[in-house]
Amino acid sequence: MRLANAVGWFGPVGLALCVIGVASPTAATAALALAVGTTASLGIGHGALDHELLERLRGTSRSTTLRVAVAYAVCVATGFVAFLAAPLVMMPIFLVVSVFHFGAADVAFVDRYARVRPVRDFSFRQIALGAFPIVIPVLAHPQAALAFFPYAHSIGALLFGHWAVARCVALGAAGIAVIVVTRARNRDSATPVWYRYELAIAFAAFILAPPVVAFFTYFGAWHAARHALRLAEAYGIDPNAAFPSQSTWRLVTFASRSLPMTVAAVAAAGGLCLLLVHSAPPILVFAALAFGVTVPHTFAVRFFNHAVASIGAQASTAGMEPCAAINN
């Protein structure tokens, strides 16, 4: 199996485990462990090397990398404080940013590794795929899903009252869209199997499984794992290599490079939660941290996508593989 396909399967298999967990306590425990483990490792780690992107892709100096790291930290701190100060204002901004971030990452991964034919409606695909893991769990389990968002009880009450019918209609329309897209993906036998069935598996998980577990399984095992592979390619890892035999040592090297910033981020998050435990609800602190990190990370990934696309175009003209062109 190609490394790209192994990573492509990782998220759908994790979400399938969430579905099985509805009937099996053992699977439910495994799904929860996967959600927590991948979020704490890949979820945080997939942005741990954002500050190195200019140096890696544009050949800038180490001093530039240090300045980028400082600016990144300032953005994170500013977003964190802004969210704590005005969570009701920042939450819609957070959700919109997340939709575009998830969608851009998903489309970029699929276009790069699933070998799909180019699709014209890039913006529509980006918004639809980015909204999918956010909107479906809220529609299916509004009370449980919105409990994760600070001060969202009034929205949950609306979704349960007169809007209950509209919520069910929206879920039905989304289900029909998933069936249509799955059938369309199955028409091309050249695409990987994970790509053909991933949306159907994710939809079932978001409908049936506990929303927080399903979402964080998506976030860690799907979104973060896929971006980590794209980033790892810029560090010399071949996504077409057989997994795991030909890639293990390179993956370990890449993971060790990401480890210091990942550990530092986890430690900083834990310290802030302990520091603010008496002045702010933990859920609000977690949401503020997520917002603070997501905004600069989204811009970093946007730069990464444009840089890789430019390098890929140059590599194609020169008859080189993108991975080789990046590392040259």
Protein backbone atom coordinates (compact mmCIF):
# COMPACT_ATOMS: atom_id res chain seq x y z
CA MET A 1 0.00 0.00 0.00
CA ARG A 2 1.24 3.50 -0.84
CA LEU A 3 1.89 5.74 2.13
CA ALA A 4 -0.62 8.21 0.65
CA ASN A 5 -3.32 5.52 0.63
CA ALA A 6 -2.49 4.43 4.19
CA VAL A 7 -2.99 8.01 5.37
CA GLY A 8 -6.10 8.35 3.20
CA TRP A 9 -7.64 5.31 4.94
CA PHE A 10 -6.68 6.43 8.45
CA GLY A 11 -9.51 8.94 8.92
CA PRO A 12 -12.36 6.87 7.41
CA VAL A 13 -11.31 3.80 9.42
CA GLY A 14 -11.26 5.89 12.59
CA LEU A 15 -14.76 7.19 11.87
CA ALA A 16 -15.95 3.67 11.08
CA LEU A 17 -14.69 2.73 14.54
CA CYS A 18 -16.89 5.52 15.93
CA VAL A 19 -19.91 3.96 14.21
CA ILE A 20 -19.11 0.48 15.56
CA GLY A 21 -18.70 2.07 18.97
CA VAL A 22 -22.43 2.82 19.07
CA ALA A 23 -23.04 -0.91 19.62
CA SER A 24 -19.73 -1.98 21.17
CA PRO A 25 -18.29 -0.51 24.40
CA THR A 26 -14.84 -1.77 23.42
CA ALA A 27 -14.98 0.00 20.06
CA ALA A 28 -16.35 3.11 21.74
CA THR A 29 -13.38 3.18 24.12
CA ALA A 30 -10.97 2.64 21.22
CA ALA A 31 -12.63 5.45 19.24
CA LEU A 32 -12.35 7.82 22.20
CA ALA A 33 -8.67 6.90 22.65
CA LEU A 34 -8.05 7.47 18.94
CA ALA A 35 -9.80 10.85 19.05
CA VAL A 36 -7.80 12.04 22.05
CA GLY A 37 -4.50 10.51 20.91
CA THR A 38 -4.55 11.83 17.36
CA THR A 39 -5.76 15.28 18.45
CA ALA A 40 -2.99 15.61 21.05
CA SER A 41 -0.30 14.35 18.64
CA LEU A 42 -1.18 14.89 14.98
CA GLY A 43 -3.79 17.56 15.71
CA ILE A 44 -1.24 19.79 17.38
CA GLY A 45 1.80 18.48 15.51
CA HIS A 46 0.50 19.17 12.00
CA GLY A 47 1.08 22.88 12.62
CA ALA A 48 4.29 22.51 14.62
CA LEU A 49 6.55 23.35 11.66
CA ASP A 50 4.55 26.27 10.25
CA HIS A 51 7.35 28.68 11.17
CA GLU A 52 9.80 26.75 8.95
CA LEU A 53 7.74 26.96 5.76
CA LEU A 54 9.45 30.06 4.37
CA GLU A 55 12.89 28.56 5.00
CA ARG A 56 11.90 25.17 3.60
CA LEU A 57 10.05 26.33 0.49
CA ARG A 58 11.66 29.68 -0.27
CA GLY A 59 15.18 29.15 1.07
CA THR A 60 15.10 32.05 3.53
CA SER A 61 17.56 32.34 6.43
CA ARG A 62 17.27 30.95 9.96
CA SER A 63 16.88 34.48 11.30
CA THR A 64 13.78 34.86 9.13
CA THR A 65 12.45 31.62 10.58
CA LEU A 66 12.96 33.00 14.08
CA ARG A 67 11.11 36.21 13.20
CA VAL A 68 8.26 34.19 11.71
CA ALA A 69 8.08 32.09 14.89
CA VAL A 70 7.85 35.26 17.04
CA ALA A 71 5.15 36.77 14.79
CA TYR A 72 3.25 33.46 14.86
CA ALA A 73 3.35 33.41 18.68
CA VAL A 74 2.10 37.00 18.83
CA CYS A 75 -0.83 36.11 16.52
CA VAL A 76 -1.71 33.11 18.69
CA ALA A 77 -1.61 35.21 21.87
CA THR A 78 -3.68 38.00 20.30
CA GLY A 79 -6.33 35.57 19.05
CA PHE A 80 -6.45 33.83 22.43
CA VAL A 81 -7.03 37.07 24.34
CA ALA A 82 -9.56 38.33 21.78
CA PHE A 83 -11.59 35.13 22.05
CA LEU A 84 -11.62 35.24 25.85
CA ALA A 85 -12.71 38.88 25.73
CA ALA A 86 -15.49 38.44 23.15
CA PRO A 87 -16.33 34.75 22.56
CA LEU A 88 -19.73 35.42 20.98
CA VAL A 89 -18.12 37.71 18.39
CA MET A 90 -15.13 35.47 17.72
CA MET A 91 -17.01 32.16 17.51
CA PRO A 92 -18.66 32.85 14.11
CA ILE A 93 -15.28 34.03 12.79
CA PHE A 94 -13.69 30.84 14.13
CA LEU A 95 -16.29 28.66 12.40
CA VAL A 96 -15.92 30.46 9.06
CA VAL A 97 -12.12 30.22 9.21
CA SER A 98 -12.40 26.51 10.13
CA VAL A 99 -14.71 25.79 7.20
CA PHE A 100 -12.28 27.30 4.70
CA HIS A 101 -9.29 25.68 6.40
CA PHE A 102 -10.78 22.16 6.51
CA GLY A 103 -12.09 22.50 2.96
CA ALA A 104 -8.83 23.77 1.48
CA ALA A 105 -6.86 20.99 3.19
CA ASP A 106 -9.26 18.27 2.07
CA VAL A 107 -9.38 19.43 -1.55
CA ALA A 108 -5.58 19.82 -1.69
CA PHE A 109 -5.00 16.31 -0.33
CA VAL A 110 -7.53 14.68 -2.65
CA ASP A 111 -6.30 16.52 -5.74
CA ARG A 112 -2.71 15.57 -4.92
CA TYR A 113 -3.05 11.94 -3.84
CA ALA A 114 -6.38 10.54 -5.03
CA ARG A 115 -5.57 11.25 -8.68
CA VAL A 116 -9.00 12.69 -9.39
CA ARG A 117 -9.82 14.59 -12.53
CA PRO A 118 -9.75 18.39 -12.16
CA VAL A 119 -13.10 19.84 -11.08
CA ARG A 120 -14.16 23.35 -12.02
CA ASP A 121 -16.15 24.23 -8.89
CA PHE A 122 -13.15 24.48 -6.57
CA SER A 123 -14.68 27.08 -4.23
CA PHE A 124 -17.93 25.13 -3.86
CA ARG A 125 -16.05 21.92 -3.09
CA GLN A 126 -13.89 23.74 -0.57
CA ILE A 127 -16.86 25.20 1.31
CA ALA A 128 -18.95 22.00 1.15
CA LEU A 129 -16.15 19.72 2.36
CA GLY A 130 -15.05 22.22 5.02
CA ALA A 131 -18.57 22.66 6.41
CA PHE A 132 -19.26 18.91 6.38
CA PRO A 133 -17.52 17.97 9.69
CA ILE A 134 -18.90 21.05 11.46
CA VAL A 135 -22.49 21.32 10.27
CA ILE A 136 -23.52 17.64 10.18
CA PRO A 137 -22.71 16.87 13.86
CA VAL A 138 -24.53 20.04 14.96
CA LEU A 139 -27.60 19.18 12.91
CA ALA A 140 -27.61 15.57 14.08
CA HIS A 141 -26.84 16.24 17.77
CA PRO A 142 -27.40 19.96 18.41
CA GLN A 143 -27.50 19.82 22.19
CA ALA A 144 -24.41 17.64 22.58
CA ALA A 145 -22.43 19.34 19.82
CA LEU A 146 -23.18 22.89 20.89
CA ALA A 147 -22.32 22.09 24.51
CA PHE A 148 -18.74 22.19 23.27
CA PHE A 149 -19.15 25.83 22.18
CA PRO A 150 -19.21 28.52 24.87
CA TYR A 151 -22.50 30.36 25.38
CA ALA A 152 -24.30 28.49 22.59
CA HIS A 153 -27.28 27.21 24.63
CA SER A 154 -29.72 29.59 22.93
CA ILE A 155 -28.73 28.28 19.50
CA GLY A 156 -29.30 24.72 20.69
CA ALA A 157 -32.77 25.65 21.92
CA LEU A 158 -33.63 27.07 18.50
CA LEU A 159 -32.50 23.88 16.77
CA PHE A 160 -34.74 21.85 19.05
CA GLY A 161 -37.86 24.01 18.81
CA HIS A 162 -39.63 25.11 15.65
CA TRP A 163 -36.48 24.43 13.65
CA ALA A 164 -36.48 20.69 14.37
CA VAL A 165 -38.25 19.90 11.07
CA ALA A 166 -35.90 22.14 9.10
CA ARG A 167 -32.97 20.43 10.80
CA CYS A 168 -34.22 16.99 9.72
CA VAL A 169 -34.83 18.23 6.17
CA ALA A 170 -31.30 19.63 6.02
CA LEU A 171 -29.87 16.32 7.23
CA GLY A 172 -31.92 14.45 4.63
CA ALA A 173 -30.66 16.76 1.87
CA ALA A 174 -27.08 16.27 3.06
CA GLY A 175 -27.57 12.49 3.06
CA ILE A 176 -28.87 12.58 -0.53
CA ALA A 177 -25.89 14.74 -1.56
CA VAL A 178 -23.49 12.24 0.02
CA ILE A 179 -25.12 9.37 -1.89
CA VAL A 180 -24.91 11.31 -5.17
CA VAL A 181 -21.26 12.23 -4.63
CA THR A 182 -20.36 8.68 -3.57
CA ARG A 183 -21.96 7.26 -6.71
CA ALA A 184 -20.11 9.83 -8.84
CA ARG A 185 -16.78 8.96 -7.19
CA ASN A 186 -17.37 5.27 -7.83
CA ARG A 187 -17.65 5.85 -11.58
CA ASP A 188 -13.89 6.32 -11.84
CA SER A 189 -12.23 2.99 -11.06
CA ALA A 190 -8.78 4.64 -11.07
CA THR A 191 -9.43 6.48 -7.80
CA PRO A 192 -8.50 4.86 -4.45
CA VAL A 193 -11.22 3.00 -2.55
CA TRP A 194 -10.90 5.28 0.49
CA TYR A 195 -11.75 8.27 -1.68
CA ARG A 196 -14.88 6.64 -3.06
CA TYR A 197 -16.44 5.81 0.32
CA GLU A 198 -14.93 8.31 2.78
CA LEU A 199 -17.87 10.77 2.75
CA ALA A 200 -20.43 8.02 3.33
CA ILE A 201 -18.43 6.67 6.29
CA ALA A 202 -17.98 10.16 7.73
CA PHE A 203 -21.67 10.97 7.35
CA ALA A 204 -22.66 7.79 9.19
CA ALA A 205 -20.22 8.59 11.99
CA PHE A 206 -21.43 12.17 12.39
CA ILE A 207 -25.05 10.98 12.48
CA LEU A 208 -24.67 7.98 14.80
CA ALA A 209 -21.61 8.52 17.01
CA PRO A 210 -21.16 11.02 19.86
CA PRO A 211 -20.41 14.29 18.05
CA VAL A 212 -17.34 15.31 20.06
CA VAL A 213 -15.67 11.91 19.58
CA ALA A 214 -16.52 11.82 15.87
CA PHE A 215 -15.34 15.38 15.28
CA PHE A 216 -12.00 14.94 17.05
CA THR A 217 -11.45 11.64 15.26
CA TYR A 218 -11.99 13.55 12.02
CA PHE A 219 -9.72 16.36 13.18
CA GLY A 220 -6.80 14.19 14.30
CA ALA A 221 -6.99 11.08 12.12
CA TRP A 222 -8.32 12.74 8.94
CA HIS A 223 -7.55 16.46 8.69
CA ALA A 224 -4.29 16.58 10.67
CA ALA A 225 -2.91 13.28 9.36
CA ARG A 226 -3.48 14.31 5.75
CA HIS A 227 -1.89 17.71 6.15
CA ALA A 228 1.03 16.13 7.99
CA LEU A 229 1.68 13.90 4.97
CA ARG A 230 1.60 16.87 2.61
CA LEU A 231 4.02 18.71 4.88
CA ALA A 232 6.22 15.63 5.25
CA GLU A 233 6.60 15.48 1.47
CA ALA A 234 8.37 18.83 1.70
CA TYR A 235 10.83 17.16 4.09
CA GLY A 236 11.79 14.37 1.73
CA ILE A 237 9.11 11.72 2.39
CA ASP A 238 7.78 10.01 -0.74
CA PRO A 239 3.99 9.52 -0.50
CA ASN A 240 4.16 6.89 -3.23
CA ALA A 241 6.57 4.70 -1.25
CA ALA A 242 5.33 1.40 0.14
CA PHE A 243 4.08 1.64 3.70
CA PRO A 244 5.55 1.05 6.18
CA SER A 245 8.80 -0.62 5.06
CA GLN A 246 10.30 2.09 2.86
CA SER A 247 9.04 5.07 4.84
CA THR A 248 9.39 4.26 8.54
CA TRP A 249 12.76 5.88 9.23
CA ARG A 250 11.88 9.04 7.30
CA LEU A 251 8.58 9.31 9.16
CA VAL A 252 10.35 8.91 12.50
CA THR A 253 12.83 11.63 11.52
CA PHE A 254 10.02 13.97 10.49
CA ALA A 255 8.06 13.24 13.67
CA SER A 256 11.11 13.92 15.83
CA ARG A 257 11.54 17.27 14.07
CA SER A 258 7.92 18.17 14.93
CA LEU A 259 8.11 16.85 18.49
CA PRO A 260 9.71 19.81 20.34
CA MET A 261 7.10 22.35 19.18
CA THR A 262 4.30 19.85 19.72
CA VAL A 263 5.37 19.20 23.32
CA ALA A 264 5.83 22.93 23.92
CA ALA A 265 2.33 23.65 22.62
CA VAL A 266 0.75 20.95 24.80
CA ALA A 267 2.65 22.21 27.84
CA ALA A 268 1.64 25.83 27.17
CA ALA A 269 -2.01 24.82 26.75
CA GLY A 270 -1.94 22.85 30.00
CA GLY A 271 -0.28 25.72 31.84
CA LEU A 272 -2.86 28.24 30.60
CA CYS A 273 -5.74 25.98 31.64
CA LEU A 274 -4.27 25.64 35.14
CA LEU A 275 -3.60 29.38 35.34
CA LEU A 276 -7.14 30.33 34.29
CA VAL A 277 -9.01 27.48 36.00
CA HIS A 278 -10.63 29.84 38.53
CA SER A 279 -11.42 32.69 36.13
CA ALA A 280 -12.71 31.01 32.96
CA PRO A 281 -14.49 27.73 32.15
CA PRO A 282 -12.05 25.14 30.73
CA ILE A 283 -14.16 24.77 27.60
CA LEU A 284 -13.82 28.50 26.93
CA VAL A 285 -10.04 28.32 27.40
CA PHE A 286 -9.80 25.36 24.99
CA ALA A 287 -11.91 27.18 22.39
CA ALA A 288 -9.79 30.33 22.77
CA LEU A 289 -6.59 28.31 22.33
CA ALA A 290 -7.99 26.59 19.24
CA PHE A 291 -8.99 29.95 17.76
CA GLY A 292 -5.62 31.52 18.56
CA VAL A 293 -3.73 28.70 16.83
CA THR A 294 -6.10 28.21 13.89
CA VAL A 295 -5.93 31.73 12.45
CA PRO A 296 -2.15 31.92 11.81
CA HIS A 297 -2.09 28.22 10.90
CA THR A 298 -4.70 28.85 8.20
CA PHE A 299 -2.55 31.58 6.63
CA ALA A 300 0.53 29.34 6.88
CA VAL A 301 -1.29 26.51 5.09
CA ARG A 302 -2.54 28.93 2.45
CA PHE A 303 1.06 29.96 1.79
CA PHE A 304 2.08 26.30 1.76
CA ASN A 305 -0.60 25.42 -0.82
CA HIS A 306 0.40 28.25 -3.15
CA ALA A 307 4.11 27.53 -2.79
CA VAL A 308 3.70 23.80 -3.45
CA ALA A 309 1.43 24.49 -6.44
CA SER A 310 4.07 26.83 -7.89
CA ILE A 311 6.87 24.33 -7.29
CA GLY A 312 4.73 21.53 -8.72
CA ALA A 313 4.09 23.53 -11.90
CA GLN A 314 7.81 24.20 -12.29
CA ALA A 315 8.58 20.53 -11.64
CA SER A 316 6.06 19.43 -14.26
CA THR A 317 7.67 21.74 -16.81
CA ALA A 318 11.10 20.34 -15.94
CA GLY A 319 9.88 16.73 -15.92
CA MET A 320 10.56 16.27 -12.19
CA GLU A 321 8.48 14.87 -9.34
CA PRO A 322 7.15 17.62 -6.99
CA CYS A 323 8.80 15.94 -4.00
CA ALA A 324 12.21 16.06 -5.69
CA ALA A 325 11.68 19.65 -6.82
CA ILE A 326 10.79 20.79 -3.28
CA ASN A 327 13.90 19.20 -1.83
CA ASN A 328 16.10 20.69 -4.51
